[in-house]
């Protein structure tokens, strides 16, 4: 599996973090659409990190067969 360039990770964080700050500052007055976006990002992040942990602990299952 090819790893993601750190450059893309940094850009993703620069896009997502202001959204999280906005939700934290506005608390109860945040539109439900924003909550749904944050929830979606959280779910995708959890799934991504679970697969990365699986690849870390079981590297023989993630290598390409020749």
N, C-alpha and C. Protein backbone atom coordinates (compact mmCIF):
# COMPACT_ATOMS: atom_id res chain seq x y z
N UNK A 1 0.85 -1.17 0.00
CA UNK A 1 0.00 0.00 0.00
C UNK A 1 0.90 1.23 0.00
N UNK A 2 0.58 2.15 -0.84
CA UNK A 2 1.36 3.38 -0.95
C UNK A 2 0.89 4.35 0.12
N UNK A 3 1.83 4.96 0.83
CA UNK A 3 1.45 5.87 1.91
C UNK A 3 1.13 7.25 1.35
N UNK A 4 0.33 7.97 2.10
CA UNK A 4 -0.08 9.31 1.71
C UNK A 4 1.04 10.29 2.06
N UNK A 5 1.29 11.20 1.16
CA UNK A 5 2.33 12.20 1.38
C UNK A 5 1.94 13.10 2.57
N UNK A 6 2.89 13.42 3.43
CA UNK A 6 2.59 14.31 4.56
C UNK A 6 2.03 15.66 4.13
N UNK A 7 2.39 16.09 2.92
CA UNK A 7 1.89 17.36 2.41
C UNK A 7 0.36 17.35 2.35
N UNK A 8 -0.22 16.24 1.90
CA UNK A 8 -1.67 16.14 1.79
C UNK A 8 -2.33 16.07 3.17
N UNK A 9 -1.67 15.42 4.09
CA UNK A 9 -2.20 15.34 5.46
C UNK A 9 -2.25 16.73 6.08
N UNK A 10 -1.20 17.51 5.88
CA UNK A 10 -1.17 18.87 6.43
C UNK A 10 -2.27 19.73 5.82
N UNK A 11 -2.47 19.61 4.52
CA UNK A 11 -3.53 20.39 3.88
C UNK A 11 -4.91 19.97 4.38
N UNK A 12 -5.10 18.69 4.56
CA UNK A 12 -6.38 18.21 5.08
C UNK A 12 -6.64 18.77 6.47
N UNK A 13 -5.62 18.79 7.30
CA UNK A 13 -5.78 19.35 8.63
C UNK A 13 -6.08 20.84 8.58
N UNK A 14 -5.46 21.56 7.66
CA UNK A 14 -5.74 22.99 7.53
C UNK A 14 -7.16 23.27 7.06
N UNK A 15 -7.74 22.33 6.35
CA UNK A 15 -9.12 22.49 5.90
C UNK A 15 -10.10 22.10 7.00
N UNK A 16 -9.82 21.03 7.73
CA UNK A 16 -10.75 20.48 8.71
C UNK A 16 -10.72 21.22 10.04
N UNK A 17 -9.55 21.61 10.51
CA UNK A 17 -9.45 22.20 11.84
C UNK A 17 -10.28 23.47 12.02
N UNK A 18 -10.33 24.39 11.06
CA UNK A 18 -11.22 25.56 11.25
C UNK A 18 -12.68 25.17 11.42
N UNK A 19 -13.10 24.11 10.75
CA UNK A 19 -14.47 23.63 10.91
C UNK A 19 -14.72 23.15 12.33
N UNK A 20 -13.77 22.44 12.90
CA UNK A 20 -13.90 21.97 14.28
C UNK A 20 -13.89 23.13 15.27
N UNK A 21 -13.07 24.14 15.01
CA UNK A 21 -13.04 25.33 15.86
C UNK A 21 -14.39 26.04 15.81
N UNK A 22 -14.96 26.14 14.62
CA UNK A 22 -16.26 26.78 14.46
C UNK A 22 -17.34 26.05 15.26
N UNK A 23 -17.36 24.74 15.18
CA UNK A 23 -18.33 23.95 15.95
C UNK A 23 -18.12 24.16 17.44
N UNK A 24 -16.86 24.21 17.88
CA UNK A 24 -16.58 24.40 19.30
C UNK A 24 -16.99 25.77 19.80
N UNK A 25 -16.80 26.80 19.00
CA UNK A 25 -17.14 28.16 19.41
C UNK A 25 -18.64 28.38 19.42
N UNK A 26 -19.32 27.90 18.42
CA UNK A 26 -20.77 28.13 18.29
C UNK A 26 -21.62 27.17 19.11
N UNK A 27 -21.08 26.04 19.48
CA UNK A 27 -21.76 25.02 20.29
C UNK A 27 -23.18 24.75 19.80
N UNK A 28 -24.19 25.15 20.53
CA UNK A 28 -25.58 24.79 20.22
C UNK A 28 -26.16 25.48 19.02
N UNK A 29 -25.54 26.58 18.57
CA UNK A 29 -26.11 27.32 17.43
C UNK A 29 -25.53 26.90 16.09
N UNK A 30 -24.68 25.89 16.09
CA UNK A 30 -24.09 25.40 14.84
C UNK A 30 -25.16 24.70 14.01
N UNK A 31 -25.24 25.00 12.73
CA UNK A 31 -26.22 24.33 11.87
C UNK A 31 -26.01 22.81 11.85
N UNK A 32 -27.08 22.08 11.66
CA UNK A 32 -27.00 20.63 11.67
C UNK A 32 -26.14 20.10 10.52
N UNK A 33 -26.06 20.83 9.42
CA UNK A 33 -25.23 20.42 8.29
C UNK A 33 -23.77 20.34 8.72
N UNK A 34 -23.33 21.31 9.51
CA UNK A 34 -21.95 21.32 9.97
C UNK A 34 -21.69 20.14 10.89
N UNK A 35 -22.65 19.84 11.77
CA UNK A 35 -22.50 18.66 12.63
C UNK A 35 -22.40 17.39 11.80
N UNK A 36 -23.18 17.29 10.73
CA UNK A 36 -23.12 16.11 9.87
C UNK A 36 -21.78 15.99 9.17
N UNK A 37 -21.23 17.12 8.75
CA UNK A 37 -19.90 17.10 8.12
C UNK A 37 -18.85 16.64 9.11
N UNK A 38 -18.89 17.18 10.32
CA UNK A 38 -17.91 16.79 11.35
C UNK A 38 -18.06 15.31 11.69
N UNK A 39 -19.29 14.83 11.78
CA UNK A 39 -19.54 13.41 12.05
C UNK A 39 -18.98 12.54 10.93
N UNK A 40 -19.20 12.94 9.68
CA UNK A 40 -18.68 12.19 8.54
C UNK A 40 -17.16 12.14 8.54
N UNK A 41 -16.53 13.27 8.83
CA UNK A 41 -15.07 13.32 8.89
C UNK A 41 -14.56 12.40 10.00
N UNK A 42 -15.24 12.42 11.14
CA UNK A 42 -14.83 11.57 12.26
C UNK A 42 -14.94 10.09 11.90
N UNK A 43 -16.01 9.70 11.25
CA UNK A 43 -16.20 8.30 10.89
C UNK A 43 -15.15 7.86 9.87
N UNK A 44 -14.90 8.68 8.86
CA UNK A 44 -13.88 8.36 7.87
C UNK A 44 -12.51 8.27 8.54
N UNK A 45 -12.21 9.18 9.45
CA UNK A 45 -10.94 9.16 10.16
C UNK A 45 -10.77 7.91 11.01
N UNK A 46 -11.81 7.51 11.67
CA UNK A 46 -11.76 6.29 12.50
C UNK A 46 -11.52 5.06 11.62
N UNK A 47 -12.25 4.96 10.53
CA UNK A 47 -12.08 3.81 9.63
C UNK A 47 -10.66 3.79 9.06
N UNK A 48 -10.17 4.95 8.64
CA UNK A 48 -8.82 5.03 8.08
C UNK A 48 -7.78 4.57 9.09
N UNK A 49 -7.89 5.05 10.33
CA UNK A 49 -6.90 4.71 11.33
C UNK A 49 -7.01 3.24 11.78
N UNK A 50 -8.18 2.68 11.77
CA UNK A 50 -8.33 1.26 12.08
C UNK A 50 -7.59 0.42 11.03
N UNK A 51 -7.76 0.76 9.75
CA UNK A 51 -7.06 0.02 8.71
C UNK A 51 -5.55 0.22 8.78
N UNK A 52 -5.10 1.40 9.14
CA UNK A 52 -3.67 1.63 9.30
C UNK A 52 -3.11 0.81 10.46
N UNK A 53 -3.86 0.69 11.55
CA UNK A 53 -3.42 -0.13 12.67
C UNK A 53 -3.38 -1.61 12.29
N UNK A 54 -4.36 -2.07 11.54
CA UNK A 54 -4.36 -3.46 11.08
C UNK A 54 -3.13 -3.70 10.21
N UNK A 55 -2.82 -2.78 9.31
CA UNK A 55 -1.65 -2.93 8.46
C UNK A 55 -0.36 -2.90 9.27
N UNK A 56 -0.36 -2.18 10.37
CA UNK A 56 0.82 -2.10 11.22
C UNK A 56 1.06 -3.41 11.96
N UNK A 57 -0.01 -4.02 12.47
CA UNK A 57 0.13 -5.24 13.26
C UNK A 57 0.18 -6.51 12.41
N UNK A 58 -0.37 -6.48 11.20
CA UNK A 58 -0.36 -7.64 10.32
C UNK A 58 0.18 -7.26 8.95
N UNK A 59 1.46 -6.93 8.86
CA UNK A 59 2.01 -6.45 7.57
C UNK A 59 2.01 -7.50 6.47
N UNK A 60 2.03 -8.79 6.83
CA UNK A 60 2.06 -9.82 5.79
C UNK A 60 0.75 -9.88 5.01
N UNK A 61 -0.34 -9.42 5.59
CA UNK A 61 -1.63 -9.43 4.90
C UNK A 61 -1.78 -8.26 3.94
N UNK A 62 -0.96 -7.22 4.10
CA UNK A 62 -1.12 -6.03 3.27
C UNK A 62 -0.14 -5.98 2.12
N UNK A 63 0.84 -6.91 2.08
CA UNK A 63 1.81 -6.91 0.99
C UNK A 63 1.19 -7.54 -0.25
N UNK A 64 1.62 -7.03 -1.40
CA UNK A 64 1.13 -7.60 -2.67
C UNK A 64 1.79 -8.95 -2.91
N UNK A 65 0.99 -9.90 -3.38
CA UNK A 65 1.53 -11.22 -3.70
C UNK A 65 2.14 -11.21 -5.10
N UNK A 66 3.29 -11.88 -5.24
CA UNK A 66 3.97 -11.91 -6.55
C UNK A 66 3.73 -13.23 -7.23
